[in-house]
Amino acid sequence: ASSGAGRRLKGIPTSKALHVVERFRRVSEDTILWTVTIDDANVYDRPWTISMPLTRDPDYVIYEYACHEGNWAVRNALRGQRVGDARAAATNEQ
């Protein structure tokens, strides 16, 4: 198979014919089965599928995934916390 336009999706060769199907199916009270099918006739002989169970963890915390490039508020917040930590450490040393 050829690499088509030479594009890549997270390291997977693809072409402009790429078609991806994701399915989320609840298989039990605490498990979701995540299935992804990759279909790209210009790159692969036939579609291929991966599956992975996603298990509930009541102690797991989901944090926002956000790009902070150029976000000076994050830098300033961290700097302010470090200054506060340094002051607290200096006070404890006295």
C-alpha atoms as a PDB file:
ATOM      1  CA  ALA A   1       0.000   0.000   0.000  1.00  0.00           C
ATOM      2  CA  SER A   2       1.161   3.522  -0.686  1.00  0.00           C
ATOM      3  CA  SER A   3       1.313   6.290   1.868  1.00  0.00           C
ATOM      4  CA  GLY A   4      -1.148   8.401  -0.135  1.00  0.00           C
ATOM      5  CA  ALA A   5      -0.543  12.066   0.538  1.00  0.00           C
ATOM      6  CA  GLY A   6       2.077  11.149   3.134  1.00  0.00           C
ATOM      7  CA  ARG A   7      -0.059  12.470   5.970  1.00  0.00           C
ATOM      8  CA  ARG A   8       0.142  10.914   9.409  1.00  0.00           C
ATOM      9  CA  LEU A   9      -2.348  10.663  12.228  1.00  0.00           C
ATOM     10  CA  LYS A  10      -0.371  10.189  15.474  1.00  0.00           C
ATOM     11  CA  GLY A  11       2.223   8.168  13.552  1.00  0.00           C
ATOM     12  CA  ILE A  12      -0.301   6.223  11.448  1.00  0.00           C
ATOM     13  CA  PRO A  13       0.088   6.729   7.657  1.00  0.00           C
ATOM     14  CA  THR A  14      -3.061   8.169   6.068  1.00  0.00           C
ATOM     15  CA  SER A  15      -4.333   9.733   2.862  1.00  0.00           C
ATOM     16  CA  LYS A  16      -7.199  12.072   2.045  1.00  0.00           C
ATOM     17  CA  ALA A  17      -9.436   8.978   1.829  1.00  0.00           C
ATOM     18  CA  LEU A  18      -9.145   8.376   5.592  1.00  0.00           C
ATOM     19  CA  HIS A  19     -12.401   7.494   7.340  1.00  0.00           C
ATOM     20  CA  VAL A  20     -12.389   6.940  11.117  1.00  0.00           C
ATOM     21  CA  VAL A  21     -15.296   5.542  13.126  1.00  0.00           C
ATOM     22  CA  GLU A  22     -15.216   5.686  16.934  1.00  0.00           C
ATOM     23  CA  ARG A  23     -17.767   3.831  19.009  1.00  0.00           C
ATOM     24  CA  PHE A  24     -18.317   3.917  22.752  1.00  0.00           C
ATOM     25  CA  ARG A  25     -20.399   1.020  24.076  1.00  0.00           C
ATOM     26  CA  ARG A  26     -21.279   0.478  27.706  1.00  0.00           C
ATOM     27  CA  VAL A  27     -20.577  -3.185  28.434  1.00  0.00           C
ATOM     28  CA  SER A  28     -21.127  -3.081  32.199  1.00  0.00           C
ATOM     29  CA  GLU A  29     -21.913  -0.593  34.934  1.00  0.00           C
ATOM     30  CA  ASP A  30     -18.221   0.269  35.282  1.00  0.00           C
ATOM     31  CA  THR A  31     -16.850  -0.368  31.775  1.00  0.00           C
ATOM     32  CA  ILE A  32     -17.140   1.295  28.379  1.00  0.00           C
ATOM     33  CA  LEU A  33     -15.648  -0.424  25.340  1.00  0.00           C
ATOM     34  CA  TRP A  34     -13.945   2.110  23.063  1.00  0.00           C
ATOM     35  CA  THR A  35     -13.577   0.861  19.480  1.00  0.00           C
ATOM     36  CA  VAL A  36     -11.887   2.690  16.597  1.00  0.00           C
ATOM     37  CA  THR A  37     -11.990   1.550  12.965  1.00  0.00           C
ATOM     38  CA  ILE A  38      -9.492   3.021  10.493  1.00  0.00           C
ATOM     39  CA  ASP A  39     -10.491   2.786   6.825  1.00  0.00           C
ATOM     40  CA  ASP A  40      -8.192   4.253   4.181  1.00  0.00           C
ATOM     41  CA  ALA A  41      -8.196   2.284   0.914  1.00  0.00           C
ATOM     42  CA  ASN A  42      -5.265   4.342  -0.412  1.00  0.00           C
ATOM     43  CA  VAL A  43      -3.012   3.156   2.414  1.00  0.00           C
ATOM     44  CA  TYR A  44      -4.343  -0.153   3.778  1.00  0.00           C
ATOM     45  CA  ASP A  45      -5.588  -3.328   2.107  1.00  0.00           C
ATOM     46  CA  ARG A  46      -8.638  -3.431   4.376  1.00  0.00           C
ATOM     47  CA  PRO A  47     -10.058  -1.521   7.361  1.00  0.00           C
ATOM     48  CA  TRP A  48      -8.567  -2.321  10.760  1.00  0.00           C
ATOM     49  CA  THR A  49     -10.010  -1.952  14.240  1.00  0.00           C
ATOM     50  CA  ILE A  50      -8.676  -1.507  17.751  1.00  0.00           C
ATOM     51  CA  SER A  51     -10.635  -1.820  20.992  1.00  0.00           C
ATOM     52  CA  MET A  52      -9.848  -0.861  24.552  1.00  0.00           C
ATOM     53  CA  PRO A  53     -11.946  -1.166  27.702  1.00  0.00           C
ATOM     54  CA  LEU A  54     -12.276   2.050  29.693  1.00  0.00           C
ATOM     55  CA  THR A  55     -12.901   1.191  33.337  1.00  0.00           C
ATOM     56  CA  ARG A  56     -14.478   3.554  35.848  1.00  0.00           C
ATOM     57  CA  ASP A  57     -12.165   4.666  38.657  1.00  0.00           C
ATOM     58  CA  PRO A  58     -14.086   6.647  41.285  1.00  0.00           C
ATOM     59  CA  ASP A  59     -10.828   8.161  42.591  1.00  0.00           C
ATOM     60  CA  TYR A  60      -9.681   9.439  39.188  1.00  0.00           C
ATOM     61  CA  VAL A  61      -9.833  13.189  38.641  1.00  0.00           C
ATOM     62  CA  ILE A  62     -10.236  14.566  35.115  1.00  0.00           C
ATOM     63  CA  TYR A  63      -8.436  17.836  34.528  1.00  0.00           C
ATOM     64  CA  GLU A  64      -9.051  20.215  31.675  1.00  0.00           C
ATOM     65  CA  TYR A  65      -6.689  19.668  28.765  1.00  0.00           C
ATOM     66  CA  ALA A  66      -5.830  23.087  27.421  1.00  0.00           C
ATOM     67  CA  CYS A  67      -2.944  24.632  25.553  1.00  0.00           C
ATOM     68  CA  HIS A  68      -1.248  27.274  27.655  1.00  0.00           C
ATOM     69  CA  GLU A  69       1.284  28.455  25.100  1.00  0.00           C
ATOM     70  CA  GLY A  70       1.536  32.208  25.503  1.00  0.00           C
ATOM     71  CA  ASN A  71      -0.730  32.143  28.554  1.00  0.00           C
ATOM     72  CA  TRP A  72       1.141  34.486  30.875  1.00  0.00           C
ATOM     73  CA  ALA A  73      -1.503  34.080  33.588  1.00  0.00           C
ATOM     74  CA  VAL A  74      -0.231  30.546  34.261  1.00  0.00           C
ATOM     75  CA  ARG A  75       3.372  31.751  34.454  1.00  0.00           C
ATOM     76  CA  ASN A  76       2.423  34.589  36.785  1.00  0.00           C
ATOM     77  CA  ALA A  77       0.285  32.344  39.001  1.00  0.00           C
ATOM     78  CA  LEU A  78       3.142  29.866  39.365  1.00  0.00           C
ATOM     79  CA  ARG A  79       5.623  32.659  40.058  1.00  0.00           C
ATOM     80  CA  GLY A  80       3.327  34.138  42.699  1.00  0.00           C
ATOM     81  CA  GLN A  81       3.004  30.759  44.393  1.00  0.00           C
ATOM     82  CA  ARG A  82       6.784  30.297  44.399  1.00  0.00           C
ATOM     83  CA  VAL A  83       7.259  33.732  45.984  1.00  0.00           C
ATOM     84  CA  GLY A  84       4.676  32.814  48.625  1.00  0.00           C
ATOM     85  CA  ASP A  85       6.421  29.500  49.284  1.00  0.00           C
ATOM     86  CA  ALA A  86       9.790  31.258  49.634  1.00  0.00           C
ATOM     87  CA  ARG A  87       8.334  33.760  52.115  1.00  0.00           C
ATOM     88  CA  ALA A  88       6.763  30.973  54.155  1.00  0.00           C
ATOM     89  CA  ALA A  89      10.058  29.058  54.188  1.00  0.00           C
ATOM     90  CA  ALA A  90      11.956  32.185  55.289  1.00  0.00           C
ATOM     91  CA  THR A  91       9.456  32.773  58.102  1.00  0.00           C
ATOM     92  CA  ASN A  92       9.812  29.165  59.286  1.00  0.00           C
ATOM     93  CA  GLU A  93      13.620  29.447  59.334  1.00  0.00           C
ATOM     94  CA  GLN A  94      13.562  32.376  61.769  1.00  0.00           C
END
